[in-house]
Amino acid sequence: MIVFDLECRAGGHRFEGWFASSEDFAGQQARGLVTCPVCGAPEVDKALSAPRLTRKGNQLPAAPSAPRPDVPQPVANGPLPPEAVAMLKAVAAVQSEMLKSST
């Protein structure tokens, strides 16, 4: 089973579609069987997406690495260093500006 992120050309609605293969998606699309679930538009394309990688069921997860003594470890409690506070404020300001123009 392959999961594709899809987007309709008419309204830009994004949604997922599950198909047996890439050829199955192409065949269903050619026959007009793939439509937007929001607006019903038949003009649907694959959207850019990150690959979905899964590990095999018979493999164990990687063992966590031991902390290295020469690398400073994060502090669980206590105030953040001033540099971290300044970076977080800068990120929040950029995010706020981006949200103003997002749809």
Protein backbone atom coordinates (compact mmCIF):
# COMPACT_ATOMS: atom_id res chain seq x y z
CA MET A 1 0.00 0.00 0.00
CA ILE A 2 1.31 3.46 -0.91
CA VAL A 3 0.04 6.68 0.65
CA PHE A 4 0.21 9.75 -1.59
CA ASP A 5 -0.37 13.33 -0.52
CA LEU A 6 -2.74 14.71 -3.14
CA GLU A 7 -3.89 18.20 -4.04
CA CYS A 8 -6.78 19.33 -6.20
CA ARG A 9 -6.02 21.97 -8.82
CA ALA A 10 -9.36 23.72 -8.42
CA GLY A 11 -9.20 24.65 -4.75
CA GLY A 12 -5.75 23.59 -3.60
CA HIS A 13 -7.27 21.19 -1.07
CA ARG A 14 -4.72 18.67 0.27
CA PHE A 15 -5.64 15.14 1.27
CA GLU A 16 -4.26 11.60 1.39
CA GLY A 17 -4.93 8.79 -1.03
CA TRP A 18 -4.07 5.12 -0.49
CA PHE A 19 -3.20 3.05 -3.55
CA ALA A 20 -1.81 -0.41 -4.28
CA SER A 21 0.95 1.09 -6.44
CA SER A 22 1.93 4.18 -8.38
CA GLU A 23 0.47 2.56 -11.50
CA ASP A 24 -2.81 1.97 -9.64
CA PHE A 25 -3.00 5.71 -8.85
CA ALA A 26 -2.28 6.61 -12.49
CA GLY A 27 -4.94 4.17 -13.73
CA GLN A 28 -7.60 5.43 -11.33
CA GLN A 29 -6.72 9.03 -12.17
CA ALA A 30 -7.01 8.32 -15.92
CA ARG A 31 -10.47 6.80 -15.39
CA GLY A 32 -11.62 9.83 -13.35
CA LEU A 33 -11.93 7.85 -10.12
CA VAL A 34 -9.67 10.14 -8.06
CA THR A 35 -11.55 13.26 -6.99
CA CYS A 36 -11.15 15.89 -4.29
CA PRO A 37 -13.17 14.90 -1.20
CA VAL A 38 -13.78 18.58 -0.37
CA CYS A 39 -14.98 20.05 -3.68
CA GLY A 40 -15.31 16.97 -5.92
CA ALA A 41 -12.91 18.30 -8.56
CA PRO A 42 -11.44 15.51 -10.73
CA GLU A 43 -8.20 17.44 -11.42
CA VAL A 44 -6.01 15.91 -8.70
CA ASP A 45 -2.20 15.77 -8.68
CA LYS A 46 0.38 14.26 -6.36
CA ALA A 47 1.65 16.89 -3.93
CA LEU A 48 5.24 17.09 -2.79
CA SER A 49 5.70 15.06 0.36
CA ALA A 50 8.36 13.46 2.49
CA PRO A 51 8.88 9.75 1.92
CA ARG A 52 7.20 7.47 4.44
CA LEU A 53 9.75 4.93 5.52
CA THR A 54 8.87 2.13 7.86
CA ARG A 55 11.15 -0.37 9.47
CA LYS A 56 10.62 -4.06 9.06
CA GLY A 57 8.64 -5.75 11.81
CA ASN A 58 11.43 -8.21 12.55
CA GLN A 59 14.01 -5.52 13.31
CA LEU A 60 14.66 -4.14 16.76
CA PRO A 61 14.83 -0.38 17.25
CA ALA A 62 18.30 1.09 17.46
CA ALA A 63 19.73 1.14 20.97
CA PRO A 64 19.99 4.65 22.39
CA SER A 65 23.55 5.90 22.43
CA ALA A 66 25.20 6.60 25.76
CA PRO A 67 25.76 10.28 26.53
CA ARG A 68 29.26 11.45 25.77
CA PRO A 69 30.99 13.05 28.76
CA ASP A 70 32.75 15.65 26.58
CA VAL A 71 29.45 17.03 25.20
CA PRO A 72 27.38 19.28 27.47
CA GLN A 73 24.09 17.56 28.34
CA PRO A 74 20.77 19.45 28.34
CA VAL A 75 19.52 20.60 31.72
CA ALA A 76 16.07 19.24 32.59
CA ASN A 77 15.17 22.00 35.06
CA GLY A 78 16.23 25.56 35.54
CA PRO A 79 16.23 28.75 33.50
CA LEU A 80 17.30 28.81 29.87
CA PRO A 81 20.57 30.48 28.95
CA PRO A 82 20.13 34.06 27.63
CA GLU A 83 21.27 32.96 24.14
CA ALA A 84 18.47 30.36 24.00
CA VAL A 85 15.88 32.90 25.16
CA ALA A 86 17.02 35.33 22.44
CA MET A 87 16.84 32.61 19.76
CA LEU A 88 13.35 31.56 20.85
CA LYS A 89 12.16 35.18 20.74
CA ALA A 90 13.61 35.58 17.23
CA VAL A 91 11.92 32.39 16.04
CA ALA A 92 8.60 33.52 17.57
CA ALA A 93 8.87 36.90 15.79
CA VAL A 94 9.53 35.24 12.42
CA GLN A 95 6.67 32.80 12.97
CA SER A 96 4.33 35.66 13.86
CA GLU A 97 5.21 37.50 10.64
CA MET A 98 4.73 34.34 8.56
CA LEU A 99 1.31 33.68 10.12
CA LYS A 100 0.13 37.16 9.12
CA SER A 101 0.48 36.30 5.41
CA SER A 102 -0.45 32.61 5.54
CA THR A 103 -3.75 31.19 4.37
